[in-house]
Amino acid sequence: LNGGNCQIINKTLNEDRVDFRLRRES
């Protein structure tokens, strides 16, 4: 998994960051 093959499918706001849930389409 890398930054070029996974798309953002969800996000969660935290106090000091935003977390992303990713999914590789293939």
PDB file of all heavy atoms in Angstrom:
ATOM      1  N   LEU A   1       0.862  -1.177   0.000  1.00  0.00           N
ATOM      2  CA  LEU A   1       0.000   0.000   0.000  1.00  0.00           C
ATOM      3  C   LEU A   1       0.900   1.230   0.000  1.00  0.00           C
ATOM      4  O   LEU A   1       1.876   1.289   0.727  1.00  0.00           O
ATOM      5  CB  LEU A   1      -0.899   0.024   1.243  1.00  0.00           C
ATOM      6  CG  LEU A   1      -1.873  -1.137   1.400  1.00  0.00           C
ATOM      7  CD1 LEU A   1      -2.618  -0.998   2.720  1.00  0.00           C
ATOM      8  CD2 LEU A   1      -2.846  -1.199   0.254  1.00  0.00           C
ATOM      9  N   ASN A   2       0.551   2.195  -0.839  1.00  0.00           N
ATOM     10  CA  ASN A   2       1.341   3.419  -0.848  1.00  0.00           C
ATOM     11  C   ASN A   2       0.457   4.611  -1.160  1.00  0.00           C
ATOM     12  O   ASN A   2      -0.731   4.458  -1.429  1.00  0.00           O
ATOM     13  CB  ASN A   2       2.520   3.302  -1.828  1.00  0.00           C
ATOM     14  CG  ASN A   2       2.077   3.119  -3.262  1.00  0.00           C
ATOM     15  OD1 ASN A   2       1.298   3.900  -3.782  1.00  0.00           O
ATOM     16  ND2 ASN A   2       2.573   2.068  -3.900  1.00  0.00           N
ATOM     17  N   GLY A   3       1.048   5.773  -1.121  1.00  0.00           N
ATOM     18  CA  GLY A   3       0.300   7.009  -1.313  1.00  0.00           C
ATOM     19  C   GLY A   3      -0.275   7.191  -2.695  1.00  0.00           C
ATOM     20  O   GLY A   3      -1.112   8.065  -2.914  1.00  0.00           O
ATOM     21  N   GLY A   4       0.139   6.360  -3.637  1.00  0.00           N
ATOM     22  CA  GLY A   4      -0.353   6.484  -4.998  1.00  0.00           C
ATOM     23  C   GLY A   4      -1.403   5.462  -5.393  1.00  0.00           C
ATOM     24  O   GLY A   4      -2.017   5.589  -6.438  1.00  0.00           O
ATOM     25  N   ASN A   5      -1.625   4.442  -4.568  1.00  0.00           N
ATOM     26  CA  ASN A   5      -2.569   3.410  -4.992  1.00  0.00           C
ATOM     27  C   ASN A   5      -3.764   3.216  -4.057  1.00  0.00           C
ATOM     28  O   ASN A   5      -4.518   2.272  -4.221  1.00  0.00           O
ATOM     29  CB  ASN A   5      -1.854   2.074  -5.220  1.00  0.00           C
ATOM     30  CG  ASN A   5      -1.340   1.417  -3.953  1.00  0.00           C
ATOM     31  OD1 ASN A   5      -1.603   1.856  -2.850  1.00  0.00           O
ATOM     32  ND2 ASN A   5      -0.595   0.345  -4.122  1.00  0.00           N
ATOM     33  N   CYS A   6      -3.938   4.090  -3.087  1.00  0.00           N
ATOM     34  CA  CYS A   6      -5.065   3.986  -2.155  1.00  0.00           C
ATOM     35  C   CYS A   6      -5.840   5.301  -2.144  1.00  0.00           C
ATOM     36  O   CYS A   6      -5.254   6.365  -2.032  1.00  0.00           O
ATOM     37  CB  CYS A   6      -4.579   3.704  -0.740  1.00  0.00           C
ATOM     38  SG  CYS A   6      -3.712   2.154  -0.577  1.00  0.00           S
ATOM     39  N   GLN A   7      -7.152   5.203  -2.225  1.00  0.00           N
ATOM     40  CA  GLN A   7      -8.001   6.384  -2.218  1.00  0.00           C
ATOM     41  C   GLN A   7      -8.598   6.623  -0.837  1.00  0.00           C
ATOM     42  O   GLN A   7      -8.899   5.676  -0.113  1.00  0.00           O
ATOM     43  CB  GLN A   7      -9.138   6.234  -3.218  1.00  0.00           C
ATOM     44  CG  GLN A   7      -8.658   6.143  -4.649  1.00  0.00           C
ATOM     45  CD  GLN A   7      -9.806   5.895  -5.598  1.00  0.00           C
ATOM     46  OE1 GLN A   7     -10.664   5.054  -5.341  1.00  0.00           O
ATOM     47  NE2 GLN A   7      -9.825   6.627  -6.690  1.00  0.00           N
ATOM     48  N   ILE A   8      -8.810   7.887  -0.511  1.00  0.00           N
ATOM     49  CA  ILE A   8      -9.453   8.267   0.753  1.00  0.00           C
ATOM     50  C   ILE A   8     -10.933   7.919   0.653  1.00  0.00           C
ATOM     51  O   ILE A   8     -11.622   8.382  -0.254  1.00  0.00           O
ATOM     52  CB  ILE A   8      -9.265   9.767   1.040  1.00  0.00           C
ATOM     53  CG1 ILE A   8      -7.769  10.083   1.181  1.00  0.00           C
ATOM     54  CG2 ILE A   8     -10.049  10.185   2.283  1.00  0.00           C
ATOM     55  CD1 ILE A   8      -7.450  11.574   1.210  1.00  0.00           C
ATOM     56  N   ILE A   9     -11.410   7.111   1.603  1.00  0.00           N
ATOM     57  CA  ILE A   9     -12.825   6.723   1.599  1.00  0.00           C
ATOM     58  C   ILE A   9     -13.569   7.229   2.835  1.00  0.00           C
ATOM     59  O   ILE A   9     -14.789   7.234   2.861  1.00  0.00           O
ATOM     60  CB  ILE A   9     -13.009   5.198   1.469  1.00  0.00           C
ATOM     61  CG1 ILE A   9     -12.344   4.455   2.626  1.00  0.00           C
ATOM     62  CG2 ILE A   9     -12.504   4.718   0.120  1.00  0.00           C
ATOM     63  CD1 ILE A   9     -12.699   2.979   2.716  1.00  0.00           C
ATOM     64  N   ASN A  10     -12.815   7.645   3.855  1.00  0.00           N
ATOM     65  CA  ASN A  10     -13.439   8.143   5.077  1.00  0.00           C
ATOM     66  C   ASN A  10     -12.412   8.976   5.832  1.00  0.00           C
ATOM     67  O   ASN A  10     -11.214   8.826   5.636  1.00  0.00           O
ATOM     68  CB  ASN A  10     -13.912   6.978   5.943  1.00  0.00           C
ATOM     69  CG  ASN A  10     -14.943   7.395   6.966  1.00  0.00           C
ATOM     70  OD1 ASN A  10     -15.329   8.552   7.037  1.00  0.00           O
ATOM     71  ND2 ASN A  10     -15.381   6.455   7.789  1.00  0.00           N
ATOM     72  N   LYS A  11     -12.898   9.843   6.701  1.00  0.00           N
ATOM     73  CA  LYS A  11     -11.993  10.666   7.507  1.00  0.00           C
ATOM     74  C   LYS A  11     -12.606  10.896   8.877  1.00  0.00           C
ATOM     75  O   LYS A  11     -13.826  10.906   9.035  1.00  0.00           O
ATOM     76  CB  LYS A  11     -11.671  11.983   6.809  1.00  0.00           C
ATOM     77  CG  LYS A  11     -12.870  12.751   6.339  1.00  0.00           C
ATOM     78  CD  LYS A  11     -12.487  13.901   5.434  1.00  0.00           C
ATOM     79  CE  LYS A  11     -13.754  14.491   4.832  1.00  0.00           C
ATOM     80  NZ  LYS A  11     -13.503  15.601   3.980  1.00  0.00           N
ATOM     81  N   THR A  12     -11.738  11.046   9.871  1.00  0.00           N
ATOM     82  CA  THR A  12     -12.159  11.263  11.252  1.00  0.00           C
ATOM     83  C   THR A  12     -11.354  12.424  11.821  1.00  0.00           C
ATOM     84  O   THR A  12     -10.122  12.428  11.732  1.00  0.00           O
ATOM     85  CB  THR A  12     -11.885  10.002  12.109  1.00  0.00           C
ATOM     86  OG1 THR A  12     -12.525   8.885  11.501  1.00  0.00           O
ATOM     87  CG2 THR A  12     -12.396  10.189  13.526  1.00  0.00           C
ATOM     88  N   LEU A  13     -12.032  13.382  12.408  1.00  0.00           N
ATOM     89  CA  LEU A  13     -11.377  14.538  13.012  1.00  0.00           C
ATOM     90  C   LEU A  13     -10.985  14.212  14.447  1.00  0.00           C
ATOM     91  O   LEU A  13     -11.808  13.756  15.239  1.00  0.00           O
ATOM     92  CB  LEU A  13     -12.327  15.741  12.995  1.00  0.00           C
ATOM     93  CG  LEU A  13     -11.817  17.038  13.596  1.00  0.00           C
ATOM     94  CD1 LEU A  13     -10.599  17.559  12.843  1.00  0.00           C
ATOM     95  CD2 LEU A  13     -12.929  18.092  13.598  1.00  0.00           C
ATOM     96  N   ASN A  14      -9.718  14.419  14.760  1.00  0.00           N
ATOM     97  CA  ASN A  14      -9.195  14.261  16.112  1.00  0.00           C
ATOM     98  C   ASN A  14      -8.681  15.612  16.587  1.00  0.00           C
ATOM     99  O   ASN A  14      -8.656  16.580  15.833  1.00  0.00           O
ATOM    100  CB  ASN A  14      -8.060  13.231  16.135  1.00  0.00           C
ATOM    101  CG  ASN A  14      -8.578  11.845  15.861  1.00  0.00           C
ATOM    102  OD1 ASN A  14      -9.418  11.334  16.569  1.00  0.00           O
ATOM    103  ND2 ASN A  14      -8.078  11.223  14.800  1.00  0.00           N
ATOM    104  N   GLU A  15      -8.247  15.668  17.822  1.00  0.00           N
ATOM    105  CA  GLU A  15      -7.784  16.930  18.399  1.00  0.00           C
ATOM    106  C   GLU A  15      -6.567  17.499  17.677  1.00  0.00           C
ATOM    107  O   GLU A  15      -6.467  18.702  17.470  1.00  0.00           O
ATOM    108  CB  GLU A  15      -7.454  16.732  19.875  1.00  0.00           C
ATOM    109  CG  GLU A  15      -7.145  18.026  20.599  1.00  0.00           C
ATOM    110  CD  GLU A  15      -6.999  17.807  22.087  1.00  0.00           C
ATOM    111  OE1 GLU A  15      -7.777  17.036  22.665  1.00  0.00           O
ATOM    112  OE2 GLU A  15      -6.089  18.441  22.653  1.00  0.00           O
ATOM    113  N   ASP A  16      -5.635  16.633  17.272  1.00  0.00           N
ATOM    114  CA  ASP A  16      -4.394  17.128  16.680  1.00  0.00           C
ATOM    115  C   ASP A  16      -4.147  16.644  15.255  1.00  0.00           C
ATOM    116  O   ASP A  16      -3.088  16.888  14.689  1.00  0.00           O
ATOM    117  CB  ASP A  16      -3.200  16.751  17.552  1.00  0.00           C
ATOM    118  CG  ASP A  16      -2.965  15.252  17.612  1.00  0.00           C
ATOM    119  OD1 ASP A  16      -3.915  14.479  17.332  1.00  0.00           O
ATOM    120  OD2 ASP A  16      -1.844  14.846  17.940  1.00  0.00           O
ATOM    121  N   ARG A  17      -5.119  15.946  14.647  1.00  0.00           N
ATOM    122  CA  ARG A  17      -4.935  15.451  13.286  1.00  0.00           C
ATOM    123  C   ARG A  17      -6.271  14.994  12.700  1.00  0.00           C
ATOM    124  O   ARG A  17      -7.263  14.850  13.423  1.00  0.00           O
ATOM    125  CB  ARG A  17      -3.947  14.296  13.268  1.00  0.00           C
ATOM    126  CG  ARG A  17      -4.465  13.054  13.942  1.00  0.00           C
ATOM    127  CD  ARG A  17      -3.439  11.952  13.900  1.00  0.00           C
ATOM    128  NE  ARG A  17      -4.068  10.709  14.278  1.00  0.00           N
ATOM    129  CZ  ARG A  17      -3.597   9.893  15.180  1.00  0.00           C
ATOM    130  NH1 ARG A  17      -2.468  10.172  15.793  1.00  0.00           N
ATOM    131  NH2 ARG A  17      -4.219   8.773  15.466  1.00  0.00           N
ATOM    132  N   VAL A  18      -6.262  14.749  11.403  1.00  0.00           N
ATOM    133  CA  VAL A  18      -7.386  14.111  10.730  1.00  0.00           C
ATOM    134  C   VAL A  18      -6.884  12.759  10.252  1.00  0.00           C
ATOM    135  O   VAL A  18      -5.849  12.668   9.584  1.00  0.00           O
ATOM    136  CB  VAL A  18      -7.901  14.955   9.538  1.00  0.00           C
ATOM    137  CG1 VAL A  18      -8.964  14.193   8.761  1.00  0.00           C
ATOM    138  CG2 VAL A  18      -8.463  16.288  10.023  1.00  0.00           C
ATOM    139  N   ASP A  19      -7.586  11.694  10.645  1.00  0.00           N
ATOM    140  CA  ASP A  19      -7.240  10.345  10.220  1.00  0.00           C
ATOM    141  C   ASP A  19      -8.008  10.012   8.952  1.00  0.00           C
ATOM    142  O   ASP A  19      -9.184  10.371   8.810  1.00  0.00           O
ATOM    143  CB  ASP A  19      -7.599   9.323  11.296  1.00  0.00           C
ATOM    144  CG  ASP A  19      -6.722   9.448  12.524  1.00  0.00           C
ATOM    145  OD1 ASP A  19      -5.547   9.840  12.384  1.00  0.00           O
ATOM    146  OD2 ASP A  19      -7.206   9.154  13.631  1.00  0.00           O
ATOM    147  N   PHE A  20      -7.352   9.299   8.043  1.00  0.00           N
ATOM    148  CA  PHE A  20      -7.968   8.887   6.789  1.00  0.00           C
ATOM    149  C   PHE A  20      -8.055   7.370   6.721  1.00  0.00           C
ATOM    150  O   PHE A  20      -7.109   6.676   7.075  1.00  0.00           O
ATOM    151  CB  PHE A  20      -7.153   9.366   5.583  1.00  0.00           C
ATOM    152  CG  PHE A  20      -7.049  10.850   5.468  1.00  0.00           C
ATOM    153  CD1 PHE A  20      -5.811  11.464   5.501  1.00  0.00           C
ATOM    154  CD2 PHE A  20      -8.173  11.632   5.320  1.00  0.00           C
ATOM    155  CE1 PHE A  20      -5.693  12.831   5.384  1.00  0.00           C
ATOM    156  CE2 PHE A  20      -8.069  13.012   5.206  1.00  0.00           C
ATOM    157  CZ  PHE A  20      -6.833  13.607   5.241  1.00  0.00           C
ATOM    158  N   ARG A  21      -9.175   6.884   6.259  1.00  0.00           N
ATOM    159  CA  ARG A  21      -9.331   5.468   5.936  1.00  0.00           C
ATOM    160  C   ARG A  21      -9.152   5.374   4.427  1.00  0.00           C
ATOM    161  O   ARG A  21      -9.756   6.143   3.671  1.00  0.00           O
ATOM    162  CB  ARG A  21     -10.732   4.993   6.353  1.00  0.00           C
ATOM    163  CG  ARG A  21     -11.014   3.563   6.095  1.00  0.00           C
ATOM    164  CD  ARG A  21     -10.185   2.687   7.028  1.00  0.00           C
ATOM    165  NE  ARG A  21     -10.572   1.308   6.882  1.00  0.00           N
ATOM    166  CZ  ARG A  21     -10.995   0.562   7.875  1.00  0.00           C
ATOM    167  NH1 ARG A  21     -11.068   1.039   9.082  1.00  0.00           N
ATOM    168  NH2 ARG A  21     -11.343  -0.677   7.652  1.00  0.00           N
ATOM    169  N   LEU A  22      -8.321   4.444   3.986  1.00  0.00           N
ATOM    170  CA  LEU A  22      -7.960   4.321   2.582  1.00  0.00           C
ATOM    171  C   LEU A  22      -8.362   2.957   2.043  1.00  0.00           C
ATOM    172  O   LEU A  22      -8.423   1.984   2.794  1.00  0.00           O
ATOM    173  CB  LEU A  22      -6.441   4.477   2.412  1.00  0.00           C
ATOM    174  CG  LEU A  22      -5.798   5.690   3.077  1.00  0.00           C
ATOM    175  CD1 LEU A  22      -4.290   5.584   3.021  1.00  0.00           C
ATOM    176  CD2 LEU A  22      -6.272   6.965   2.425  1.00  0.00           C
ATOM    177  N   ARG A  23      -8.593   2.901   0.735  1.00  0.00           N
ATOM    178  CA  ARG A  23      -8.879   1.612   0.095  1.00  0.00           C
ATOM    179  C   ARG A  23      -8.219   1.591  -1.279  1.00  0.00           C
ATOM    180  O   ARG A  23      -8.330   2.546  -2.046  1.00  0.00           O
ATOM    181  CB  ARG A  23     -10.375   1.400  -0.080  1.00  0.00           C
ATOM    182  CG  ARG A  23     -10.688   0.046  -0.745  1.00  0.00           C
ATOM    183  CD  ARG A  23     -12.166  -0.237  -0.865  1.00  0.00           C
ATOM    184  NE  ARG A  23     -12.758  -0.346   0.459  1.00  0.00           N
ATOM    185  CZ  ARG A  23     -13.927   0.214   0.799  1.00  0.00           C
ATOM    186  NH1 ARG A  23     -14.614   0.901  -0.063  1.00  0.00           N
ATOM    187  NH2 ARG A  23     -14.390   0.076   2.025  1.00  0.00           N
ATOM    188  N   ARG A  24      -7.555   0.471  -1.548  1.00  0.00           N
ATOM    189  CA  ARG A  24      -6.974   0.274  -2.875  1.00  0.00           C
ATOM    190  C   ARG A  24      -8.072  -0.298  -3.756  1.00  0.00           C
ATOM    191  O   ARG A  24      -8.671  -1.333  -3.439  1.00  0.00           O
ATOM    192  CB  ARG A  24      -5.786  -0.675  -2.796  1.00  0.00           C
ATOM    193  CG  ARG A  24      -5.074  -0.822  -4.121  1.00  0.00           C
ATOM    194  CD  ARG A  24      -3.746  -1.492  -4.001  1.00  0.00           C
ATOM    195  NE  ARG A  24      -3.853  -2.769  -3.296  1.00  0.00           N
ATOM    196  CZ  ARG A  24      -2.818  -3.394  -2.750  1.00  0.00           C
ATOM    197  NH1 ARG A  24      -1.619  -2.869  -2.823  1.00  0.00           N
ATOM    198  NH2 ARG A  24      -2.980  -4.539  -2.130  1.00  0.00           N
ATOM    199  N   GLU A  25      -8.340   0.387  -4.850  1.00  0.00           N
ATOM    200  CA  GLU A  25      -9.448   0.021  -5.722  1.00  0.00           C
ATOM    201  C   GLU A  25      -9.257  -1.347  -6.369  1.00  0.00           C
ATOM    202  O   GLU A  25     -10.218  -2.099  -6.533  1.00  0.00           O
ATOM    203  CB  GLU A  25      -9.621   1.085  -6.811  1.00  0.00           C
ATOM    204  CG  GLU A  25     -10.895   0.944  -7.596  1.00  0.00           C
ATOM    205  CD  GLU A  25     -11.128   2.106  -8.519  1.00  0.00           C
ATOM    206  OE1 GLU A  25     -10.905   3.253  -8.109  1.00  0.00           O
ATOM    207  OE2 GLU A  25     -11.533   1.853  -9.666  1.00  0.00           O
ATOM    208  N   SER A  26      -8.032  -1.710  -6.703  1.00  0.00           N
ATOM    209  CA  SER A  26      -7.790  -2.949  -7.444  1.00  0.00           C
ATOM    210  C   SER A  26      -8.198  -4.208  -6.691  1.00  0.00           C
ATOM    211  O   SER A  26      -8.652  -5.173  -7.296  1.00  0.00           O
ATOM    212  CB  SER A  26      -6.321  -3.051  -7.854  1.00  0.00           C
ATOM    213  OG  SER A  26      -5.484  -3.129  -6.705  1.00  0.00           O
TER     214      SER A  26
END
